Protein backbone atom coordinates (compact mmCIF):
# COMPACT_ATOMS: atom_id res chain seq x y z
CA UNK A 1 -0.24 0.00 -0.18
CA UNK A 2 1.48 3.31 -1.06
CA UNK A 3 1.90 6.03 1.56
CA UNK A 4 -0.75 8.26 -0.22
CA UNK A 5 -3.57 5.46 -0.21
CA UNK A 6 -2.56 5.15 3.33
CA UNK A 7 -2.73 8.86 4.16
CA UNK A 8 -5.97 9.06 1.99
CA UNK A 9 -8.02 5.79 4.32
CA UNK A 10 -6.61 7.97 7.40
CA UNK A 11 -8.26 10.86 6.18
CA UNK A 12 -10.93 9.60 4.77
CA UNK A 13 -11.46 8.44 8.77
CA UNK A 14 -10.16 11.46 9.74
CA UNK A 15 -13.06 13.50 7.84
CA UNK A 16 -15.73 10.70 9.07
CA UNK A 17 -15.01 10.95 12.81
CA UNK A 18 -14.78 14.74 12.21
CA UNK A 19 -17.72 15.49 10.71
CA UNK A 20 -15.98 16.73 7.56
CA UNK A 21 -17.24 13.74 5.44
CA UNK A 22 -20.60 15.16 4.96
CA UNK A 23 -21.30 14.02 1.52
CA UNK A 24 -24.21 17.02 1.20
CA UNK A 25 -22.88 17.38 -2.93
CA UNK A 26 -23.27 15.91 -5.62
CA UNK A 27 -22.78 11.93 -5.34
CA UNK A 28 -25.48 11.89 -2.04
CA UNK A 29 -28.92 13.63 -3.71
CA UNK A 30 -27.75 17.22 -3.89
CA UNK A 31 -29.27 19.69 -6.13
CA UNK A 32 -28.69 18.37 -9.32
CA UNK A 33 -28.04 22.89 -10.84
CA UNK A 34 -25.43 23.26 -8.32
CA UNK A 35 -21.37 23.06 -8.58
CA UNK A 36 -20.15 22.30 -5.45
CA UNK A 37 -16.39 23.89 -5.69
CA UNK A 38 -14.18 23.36 -3.38
CA UNK A 39 -10.92 25.78 -3.37
CA UNK A 40 -8.32 27.91 -1.25
CA UNK A 41 -8.65 30.40 0.46
CA UNK A 42 -5.79 32.95 -1.39
CA UNK A 43 -7.13 36.60 -2.36
CA UNK A 44 -7.39 35.26 -6.12
CA UNK A 45 -10.30 32.83 -4.63
CA UNK A 46 -11.83 35.08 -2.54
CA UNK A 47 -12.25 37.39 -5.47
CA UNK A 48 -13.23 34.96 -8.27
CA UNK A 49 -16.20 33.99 -5.59
CA UNK A 50 -17.19 37.73 -5.70
CA UNK A 51 -17.41 38.00 -9.13
CA UNK A 52 -19.54 34.74 -10.20
CA UNK A 53 -23.13 37.13 -10.25
CA UNK A 54 -21.09 37.48 -14.16
CA UNK A 55 -20.27 33.40 -13.97
CA UNK A 56 -24.68 33.06 -12.90
CA UNK A 57 -26.13 35.88 -15.54
CA UNK A 58 -24.70 33.93 -18.03
CA UNK A 59 -26.00 30.90 -16.36
CA UNK A 60 -29.32 30.96 -14.86
CA UNK A 61 -29.55 27.37 -14.66
CA UNK A 62 -26.33 26.60 -12.28
CA UNK A 63 -26.37 27.67 -8.76
CA UNK A 64 -22.55 27.28 -6.44
CA UNK A 65 -21.89 26.34 -3.35
CA UNK A 66 -18.04 27.21 -2.37
CA UNK A 67 -16.03 24.87 0.27
CA UNK A 68 -12.95 27.43 0.93
CA UNK A 69 -10.50 25.88 3.02
CA UNK A 70 -6.81 26.75 4.28
CA UNK A 71 -4.33 25.16 1.72
CA UNK A 72 -3.24 22.31 3.98
CA UNK A 73 -6.78 21.57 5.06
CA UNK A 74 -7.50 22.03 1.29
CA UNK A 75 -4.98 19.29 0.06
CA UNK A 76 -6.40 16.66 2.70
CA UNK A 77 -9.89 17.07 2.05
CA UNK A 78 -9.69 17.02 -1.87
CA UNK A 79 -7.22 14.16 -1.90
CA UNK A 80 -9.45 12.05 0.47
CA UNK A 81 -12.66 12.91 -1.84
CA UNK A 82 -11.14 11.74 -5.30
CA UNK A 83 -9.31 8.84 -3.61
CA UNK A 84 -11.89 7.25 -2.22
CA UNK A 85 -14.38 8.40 -5.05
CA UNK A 86 -16.69 10.33 -2.15
CA UNK A 87 -18.20 12.72 -4.84
CA UNK A 88 -18.48 15.89 -2.03
CA UNK A 89 -17.08 18.27 -5.10
CA UNK A 90 -17.65 18.86 -8.70
CA UNK A 91 -14.93 21.37 -9.40
CA UNK A 92 -11.23 20.95 -7.61
CA UNK A 93 -8.32 23.53 -6.99
CA UNK A 94 -5.99 21.12 -7.65
CA UNK A 95 -1.89 21.94 -7.93
CA UNK A 96 0.45 21.18 -10.59
CA UNK A 97 1.52 17.89 -8.57
CA UNK A 98 -1.81 16.31 -8.40
CA UNK A 99 -2.70 16.50 -12.33
CA UNK A 100 -0.81 13.95 -13.92
CA UNK A 101 -0.60 11.53 -11.23
CA UNK A 102 -4.36 11.90 -10.41
CA UNK A 103 -4.98 11.89 -14.77
CA UNK A 104 -2.71 9.35 -14.66
CA UNK A 105 -5.40 7.57 -12.34
CA UNK A 106 -8.07 7.95 -13.66
CA UNK A 107 -9.42 10.57 -10.93
CA UNK A 108 -9.91 13.98 -13.47
CA UNK A 109 -11.77 14.20 -16.31
CA UNK A 110 -10.24 15.66 -19.52
CA UNK A 111 -11.45 18.75 -20.22
CA UNK A 112 -12.82 20.42 -23.69
CA UNK A 113 -12.49 23.51 -24.78
CA UNK A 114 -14.55 25.94 -27.53
CA UNK A 115 -11.95 27.42 -29.10
CA UNK A 116 -12.45 31.08 -28.64
CA UNK A 117 -11.08 29.96 -24.81
CA UNK A 118 -8.17 29.74 -27.12
CA UNK A 119 -6.11 27.00 -25.16
CA UNK A 120 -3.33 27.57 -27.31
CA UNK A 121 -2.57 31.11 -25.59
CA UNK A 122 -1.78 29.09 -22.74
CA UNK A 123 2.02 29.68 -21.02
CA UNK A 124 3.47 26.48 -22.35
CA UNK A 125 5.25 25.87 -18.69
CA UNK A 126 1.87 26.02 -17.63
CA UNK A 127 0.00 24.04 -20.00
CA UNK A 128 2.39 20.91 -19.45
CA UNK A 129 1.96 21.03 -16.37
CA UNK A 130 -1.83 20.82 -16.08
CA UNK A 131 -1.61 18.23 -18.67
CA UNK A 132 -0.82 14.71 -18.91
CA UNK A 133 -0.47 12.48 -22.51
CA UNK A 134 -1.34 15.58 -24.07
CA UNK A 135 -4.23 16.05 -22.74
CA UNK A 136 -5.43 19.05 -20.44
CA UNK A 137 -6.90 17.43 -17.41
CA UNK A 138 -6.57 21.29 -15.65
CA UNK A 139 -7.23 24.45 -17.01
CA UNK A 140 -4.65 26.97 -14.67
CA UNK A 141 -6.94 29.88 -13.02
CA UNK A 142 -3.11 31.42 -12.02
CA UNK A 143 0.86 30.35 -12.03
CA UNK A 144 3.42 31.61 -10.29
CA UNK A 145 7.20 31.12 -10.20
CA UNK A 146 8.63 32.24 -6.78
CA UNK A 147 10.95 35.72 -6.84
CA UNK A 148 12.73 37.97 -3.85
CA UNK A 149 10.60 40.58 -2.92
CA UNK A 150 11.75 43.62 -1.02
CA UNK A 151 11.18 46.60 0.72
CA UNK A 152 13.62 49.63 -1.58
CA UNK A 153 13.18 52.39 1.08
CA UNK A 154 14.92 50.33 3.94
CA UNK A 155 17.37 48.68 1.30
CA UNK A 156 17.73 52.32 0.00
CA UNK A 157 18.09 53.59 3.84
CA UNK A 158 20.77 50.77 4.58
CA UNK A 159 23.38 51.48 1.50
CA UNK A 160 22.14 48.31 -0.13
CA UNK A 161 22.20 48.00 -3.63
CA UNK A 162 19.78 45.03 -4.60
CA UNK A 163 21.32 42.91 -7.67
CA UNK A 164 19.73 41.59 -10.48
CA UNK A 165 20.77 38.09 -8.88
CA UNK A 166 21.34 38.19 -5.19
CA UNK A 167 23.15 35.42 -3.49
CA UNK A 168 21.56 33.52 -0.31
CA UNK A 169 25.08 34.78 1.67
CA UNK A 170 24.09 38.59 0.32
CA UNK A 171 19.89 37.82 1.66
CA UNK A 172 21.59 36.47 4.54
CA UNK A 173 23.74 39.93 5.02
CA UNK A 174 20.88 42.01 4.21
CA UNK A 175 18.36 40.43 6.60
CA UNK A 176 20.87 41.32 9.22
CA UNK A 177 20.99 45.09 8.24
CA UNK A 178 17.75 45.41 7.99
CA UNK A 179 16.19 44.39 11.10
CA UNK A 180 14.99 47.14 13.71
CA UNK A 181 13.21 44.56 16.35
CA UNK A 182 12.46 47.65 18.16
CA UNK A 183 10.63 49.09 15.43
CA UNK A 184 9.39 45.40 14.38
CA UNK A 185 10.65 45.21 11.33
CA UNK A 186 12.09 41.77 10.74
CA UNK A 187 14.46 41.90 8.25
CA UNK A 188 13.55 39.01 7.14
CA UNK A 189 10.17 37.13 6.51
CA UNK A 190 10.48 33.25 4.94
CA UNK A 191 7.91 30.04 5.47
CA UNK A 192 7.66 27.86 8.45
CA UNK A 193 4.24 26.25 8.57
CA UNK A 194 4.49 22.49 8.40
CA UNK A 195 3.23 21.14 4.86
CA UNK A 196 4.63 19.45 1.98
CA UNK A 197 2.96 22.92 0.21
CA UNK A 198 4.35 25.04 3.03
CA UNK A 199 7.62 25.07 4.45
CA UNK A 200 8.73 22.23 1.69
CA UNK A 201 7.56 24.52 -1.60
CA UNK A 202 10.27 26.94 -0.13
CA UNK A 203 13.11 24.80 1.72
CA UNK A 204 12.89 22.45 -1.17
CA UNK A 205 13.24 25.18 -4.20
CA UNK A 206 16.15 26.37 -1.90
CA UNK A 207 17.68 23.13 -2.06
CA UNK A 208 18.11 23.09 -4.78
CA UNK A 209 20.20 26.31 -5.37
CA UNK A 210 22.39 24.64 -2.26
CA UNK A 211 23.02 21.27 -4.61
CA UNK A 212 20.86 19.61 -2.78
CA UNK A 213 17.86 16.74 -4.44
CA UNK A 214 15.18 15.00 -3.22
CA UNK A 215 16.78 11.85 -4.35
CA UNK A 216 19.80 10.79 -6.50
CA UNK A 217 19.56 8.77 -9.42
CA UNK A 218 18.92 5.13 -7.37
CA UNK A 219 15.33 7.34 -5.30
CA UNK A 220 18.05 6.91 -2.10
CA UNK A 221 17.33 10.07 0.26
CA UNK A 222 20.00 13.15 0.20
CA UNK A 223 19.03 14.53 3.05
CA UNK A 224 22.17 12.93 5.25
CA UNK A 225 24.17 15.39 2.57
CA UNK A 226 26.26 18.40 3.47
CA UNK A 227 24.18 20.63 0.35
CA UNK A 228 20.94 19.75 2.35
CA UNK A 229 22.55 21.14 6.10
CA UNK A 230 24.01 24.23 4.11
CA UNK A 231 20.41 24.71 3.10
CA UNK A 232 18.51 24.14 6.46
CA UNK A 233 21.40 25.70 8.43
CA UNK A 234 20.94 28.87 6.71
CA UNK A 235 17.25 28.66 6.81
CA UNK A 236 17.51 28.02 10.65
CA UNK A 237 20.28 31.07 11.57
CA UNK A 238 18.71 33.84 9.49
CA UNK A 239 14.98 33.07 10.63
CA UNK A 240 16.52 33.16 14.45
CA UNK A 241 18.48 36.54 14.04
CA UNK A 242 16.06 37.97 11.38
CA UNK A 243 12.74 36.40 10.91
CA UNK A 244 9.25 37.08 13.10
CA UNK A 245 8.57 35.42 16.43
CA UNK A 246 6.23 32.75 15.97
CA UNK A 247 7.90 31.19 11.85
CA UNK A 248 6.88 28.29 12.17
CA UNK A 249 3.14 29.25 11.71
CA UNK A 250 3.77 31.38 9.44
CA UNK A 251 2.97 29.95 5.25
CA UNK A 252 1.84 32.40 2.24
CA UNK A 253 -0.99 34.03 3.58
CA UNK A 254 0.47 35.09 7.11
CA UNK A 255 3.69 36.49 5.45
CA UNK A 256 1.87 38.41 3.11
CA UNK A 257 -0.13 40.13 5.70
CA UNK A 258 3.19 40.82 7.68
CA UNK A 259 5.04 42.42 5.14
CA UNK A 260 1.53 44.51 3.66
CA UNK A 261 1.65 45.72 7.51
CA UNK A 262 4.97 46.73 6.57
CA UNK A 263 7.47 43.93 8.83
CA UNK A 264 8.81 42.93 6.38
CA UNK A 265 11.66 44.00 4.69
CA UNK A 266 12.74 40.63 2.21
CA UNK A 267 10.17 38.08 1.34
CA UNK A 268 10.96 35.00 -0.66
CA UNK A 269 8.07 33.81 -2.43
CA UNK A 270 5.45 33.06 -4.81
CA UNK A 271 5.35 35.64 -7.96
CA UNK A 272 1.84 35.99 -7.44
CA UNK A 273 2.07 37.93 -3.84
CA UNK A 274 3.09 40.58 -6.15
CA UNK A 275 0.03 42.36 -7.21
CA UNK A 276 -1.11 42.54 -3.48
CA UNK A 277 1.75 43.89 -1.95
CA UNK A 278 1.83 46.46 -4.50
CA UNK A 279 -2.05 47.25 -4.03
CA UNK A 280 -2.15 50.46 -1.86
CA UNK A 281 -6.06 49.01 -0.80
CA UNK A 282 -4.61 46.33 0.85
CA UNK A 283 -0.55 47.66 1.85
CA UNK A 284 0.89 49.89 4.19
CA UNK A 285 3.90 49.90 1.77
CA UNK A 286 3.00 49.59 -1.85
CA UNK A 287 5.00 52.18 -3.35
CA UNK A 288 8.02 51.06 -1.07
CA UNK A 289 8.12 47.08 -2.92
CA UNK A 290 11.15 46.22 -5.40
CA UNK A 291 11.16 42.28 -6.97
CA UNK A 292 14.67 40.72 -8.39
CA UNK A 293 15.28 36.79 -8.41
CA UNK A 294 14.60 34.09 -6.46
CA UNK A 295 18.54 34.00 -4.68
CA UNK A 296 20.90 31.23 -5.52
CA UNK A 297 24.60 30.09 -4.31
CA UNK A 298 26.14 30.20 -7.71
CA UNK A 299 25.73 27.03 -8.49
CA UNK A 300 23.51 26.83 -11.18
CA UNK A 301 20.40 26.89 -9.77
CA UNK A 302 17.77 29.37 -7.83
CA UNK A 303 15.49 28.98 -5.06
CA UNK A 304 12.91 29.01 -8.44
CA UNK A 305 9.61 26.95 -8.39
CA UNK A 306 6.70 26.64 -11.06
CA UNK A 307 3.28 26.10 -9.53
CA UNK A 308 -0.32 26.72 -10.99
CA UNK A 309 -3.44 26.24 -8.91
CA UNK A 310 -6.00 24.46 -11.61
CA UNK A 311 -9.44 24.05 -12.07
CA UNK A 312 -10.32 20.68 -12.95
CA UNK A 313 -13.20 17.86 -12.70
CA UNK A 314 -13.27 14.82 -10.32
CA UNK A 315 -14.09 11.67 -12.60
CA UNK A 316 -17.05 10.92 -9.73
CA UNK A 317 -19.07 14.09 -10.65
CA UNK A 318 -22.09 13.78 -12.33
CA UNK A 319 -22.30 17.52 -13.19
CA UNK A 320 -19.33 17.36 -15.88
CA UNK A 321 -20.56 19.68 -18.58
CA UNK A 322 -22.02 22.64 -15.65
CA UNK A 323 -18.26 21.98 -13.65
CA UNK A 324 -16.54 22.44 -17.55
CA UNK A 325 -18.45 25.95 -18.18
CA UNK A 326 -18.00 27.06 -15.16
CA UNK A 327 -13.97 25.87 -15.19
CA UNK A 328 -13.89 28.23 -18.63
CA UNK A 329 -15.61 30.35 -17.16
CA UNK A 330 -13.01 30.98 -14.61
CA UNK A 331 -10.18 30.59 -16.92
CA UNK A 332 -10.56 32.82 -19.56
CA UNK A 333 -10.16 36.05 -21.65
CA UNK A 334 -12.95 37.08 -20.35
CA UNK A 335 -12.34 36.80 -16.80
CA UNK A 336 -9.01 38.44 -16.65
CA UNK A 337 -11.18 41.27 -18.41
CA UNK A 338 -13.73 41.68 -15.87
CA UNK A 339 -10.55 41.54 -13.10
CA UNK A 340 -9.12 44.51 -14.34
CA UNK A 341 -12.57 46.05 -15.51
CA UNK A 342 -13.50 45.75 -11.86
CA UNK A 343 -9.80 45.41 -9.76
CA UNK A 344 -7.94 47.03 -12.38
CA UNK A 345 -4.93 45.42 -14.06
CA UNK A 346 -2.28 44.70 -11.55
CA UNK A 347 -4.93 42.45 -9.81
CA UNK A 348 -5.65 39.92 -12.52
CA UNK A 349 -4.89 36.32 -12.38
CA UNK A 350 -1.33 36.39 -13.56
CA UNK A 351 0.80 33.47 -14.75
CA UNK A 352 -1.53 31.86 -17.26
CA UNK A 353 -1.82 33.40 -21.28
CA UNK A 354 1.31 34.57 -22.91
CA UNK A 355 -1.03 37.70 -24.05
CA UNK A 356 -1.20 39.31 -20.90
CA UNK A 357 2.72 39.68 -21.03
CA UNK A 358 2.20 41.20 -24.39
CA UNK A 359 -0.85 43.40 -23.16
CA UNK A 360 0.40 47.34 -22.93
CA UNK A 361 -2.39 47.96 -19.97
CA UNK A 362 -0.86 44.98 -18.07
CA UNK A 363 3.35 45.67 -18.21
CA UNK A 364 2.16 49.27 -17.24
CA UNK A 365 0.07 48.51 -14.53
CA UNK A 366 2.18 45.58 -13.53
CA UNK A 367 5.81 45.98 -12.49
CA UNK A 368 6.73 42.79 -11.60
CA UNK A 369 5.14 41.49 -14.76
CA UNK A 370 8.81 41.12 -16.71
CA UNK A 371 10.08 39.05 -13.37
CA UNK A 372 7.21 37.08 -13.28
CA UNK A 373 6.96 35.60 -16.84
CA UNK A 374 11.27 35.34 -16.23
CA UNK A 375 10.60 33.46 -13.25
CA UNK A 376 7.64 31.06 -14.52
CA UNK A 377 9.96 30.60 -18.10
CA UNK A 378 13.45 29.66 -16.02
CA UNK A 379 12.02 27.20 -13.88
CA UNK A 380 12.93 23.73 -15.49
CA UNK A 381 11.02 21.14 -13.56
CA UNK A 382 13.17 18.34 -15.57
CA UNK A 383 16.17 19.44 -13.90
CA UNK A 384 15.86 21.82 -11.27
CA UNK A 385 18.43 20.22 -8.98
CA UNK A 386 22.19 20.42 -10.23
CA UNK A 387 22.47 16.61 -9.75
CA UNK A 388 20.44 14.84 -11.73
CA UNK A 389 17.53 13.49 -10.09
CA UNK A 390 15.03 10.66 -11.36
CA UNK A 391 11.60 13.11 -10.93
CA UNK A 392 9.99 15.80 -12.18
CA UNK A 393 9.22 19.10 -10.26
CA UNK A 394 10.83 21.78 -8.46
CA UNK A 395 9.61 21.97 -5.57
CA UNK A 396 8.57 18.22 -5.15
CA UNK A 397 9.10 15.96 -6.71
CA UNK A 398 5.89 14.03 -8.45
CA UNK A 399 5.57 10.65 -7.12
CA UNK A 400 1.98 9.72 -5.23
CA UNK A 401 4.43 8.82 -2.35
CA UNK A 402 5.29 12.44 -2.03
CA UNK A 403 2.74 14.35 -0.27
CA UNK A 404 2.62 12.07 2.73
CA UNK A 405 6.48 11.99 2.62
CA UNK A 406 7.34 15.70 1.99
CA UNK A 407 5.18 16.86 5.15
CA UNK A 408 6.91 14.64 7.56
CA UNK A 409 9.62 16.27 6.52
CA UNK A 410 8.33 19.88 7.11
CA UNK A 411 7.34 19.06 10.38
CA UNK A 412 10.55 18.07 11.01
CA UNK A 413 12.18 20.65 9.08
CA UNK A 414 9.84 23.45 11.17
CA UNK A 415 10.82 21.93 14.95
CA UNK A 416 14.06 22.69 14.04
CA UNK A 417 13.05 26.81 13.30
CA UNK A 418 10.97 26.05 16.98
CA UNK A 419 14.35 24.75 18.04
CA UNK A 420 12.68 22.03 19.80
CA UNK A 421 15.25 20.00 17.74
CA UNK A 422 18.94 20.78 15.79
CA UNK A 423 18.67 20.91 12.16
CA UNK A 424 21.27 18.13 12.53
CA UNK A 425 18.47 15.91 14.43
CA UNK A 426 15.86 17.03 11.64
CA UNK A 427 17.86 16.23 8.97
CA UNK A 428 18.98 12.38 10.57
CA UNK A 429 14.66 11.85 11.26
CA UNK A 430 14.08 13.22 7.28
CA UNK A 431 16.84 10.75 5.84
CA UNK A 432 15.01 7.92 8.03
CA UNK A 433 11.76 8.77 7.21
CA UNK A 434 11.57 9.14 3.71
CA UNK A 435 14.46 6.14 3.31
CA UNK A 436 10.99 4.56 5.38
CA UNK A 437 8.66 5.32 3.25
CA UNK A 438 10.38 5.02 0.11
CA UNK A 439 10.88 0.89 1.26
CA UNK A 440 7.51 0.58 1.85
CA UNK A 441 6.68 1.97 -1.29
CA UNK A 442 8.81 -0.06 -3.25
CA UNK A 443 11.50 1.92 -4.59
CA UNK A 444 13.17 1.86 -6.77
CA UNK A 445 10.67 0.87 -8.85
CA UNK A 446 11.80 -2.09 -11.68
């Protein structure tokens, strides 16, 4: 039994015991006119919910029911439901990690779009990440790489010049100099919340920059190698010296709130954050924000990643036609224009369509556009590390077992951040737990 299967069964039982397994959706006699949509509580998705009157006006026979969840909880609920064919949801918000794995298992329905949707306008790397066997099984709602976002006023005041390609040595030194704890300003904010898609998104990409990798060519875990020690030690040290208190509880949304409140000088995270931290309606420092490449260590790889939040239809849904109509609306050029009209061009979902990065209105309104596109195009999912690897994925390994393994490792690294265990102990625990799970799953595969 694979780690993913065991995890799914455990989560299914947990959901039943906690009441999360209430199947009021399609598969258990729900309203045939109502689409149940599971999504993450990110700002772009919250905005989409507010704009769906445009969709229902075009489709008066369709009602929408939203299940909006924190990222880790969303992954648990959605994975449990699709693995057990629970049928709670008609539209899923899934990442680039899940799409090819779930499509291969027959858990997702392939998508079909009319010519005016313009599938060929999707950015090639994002389209590929949402496909399996050259068929789209999910439509990207927004795409992202990662970059370094920083306070231009604080950097200037400290007499620093931000490089076009900063090194981690520069970032660590700058974070210490920019820290002003008396005034509530922390030199750097990085993800600390445990989860394969939370702290491990950052730390996996950071590991790449330091020359680390999850597995060697024989699928042997690599946490006992010096490159991982260098990456994790750098992370823990700089966060203890220059990070905010309680950082082990901070994920993307928490750090976004800190940056918008003027509490962070440097932040390495998803490019999608750029529109929020430069929006004066949300950010106190909107006019003092700069963008540059994710840090490296001079080894040929950066702390860059590639991700997209996508909308997909589970095979268990009995409302595929209605779900397809909603997905076509939410990921269309029309939706982009709708957001631009309501919220301004800087706030449209980024990173999915080539035409957006040729649009002069967007380029004028979004000073982060070119860096976002460069980050996405620079991510190499097939060669993410300095040394060869047997997996696809920059900040994850695209195998079913990774969801369980990555979260376990993330818990160890989060514990090292709090100081409850040492960096060495965290790496030893990560090595042994990963080896154990890979052996149970039968790796290396013949």
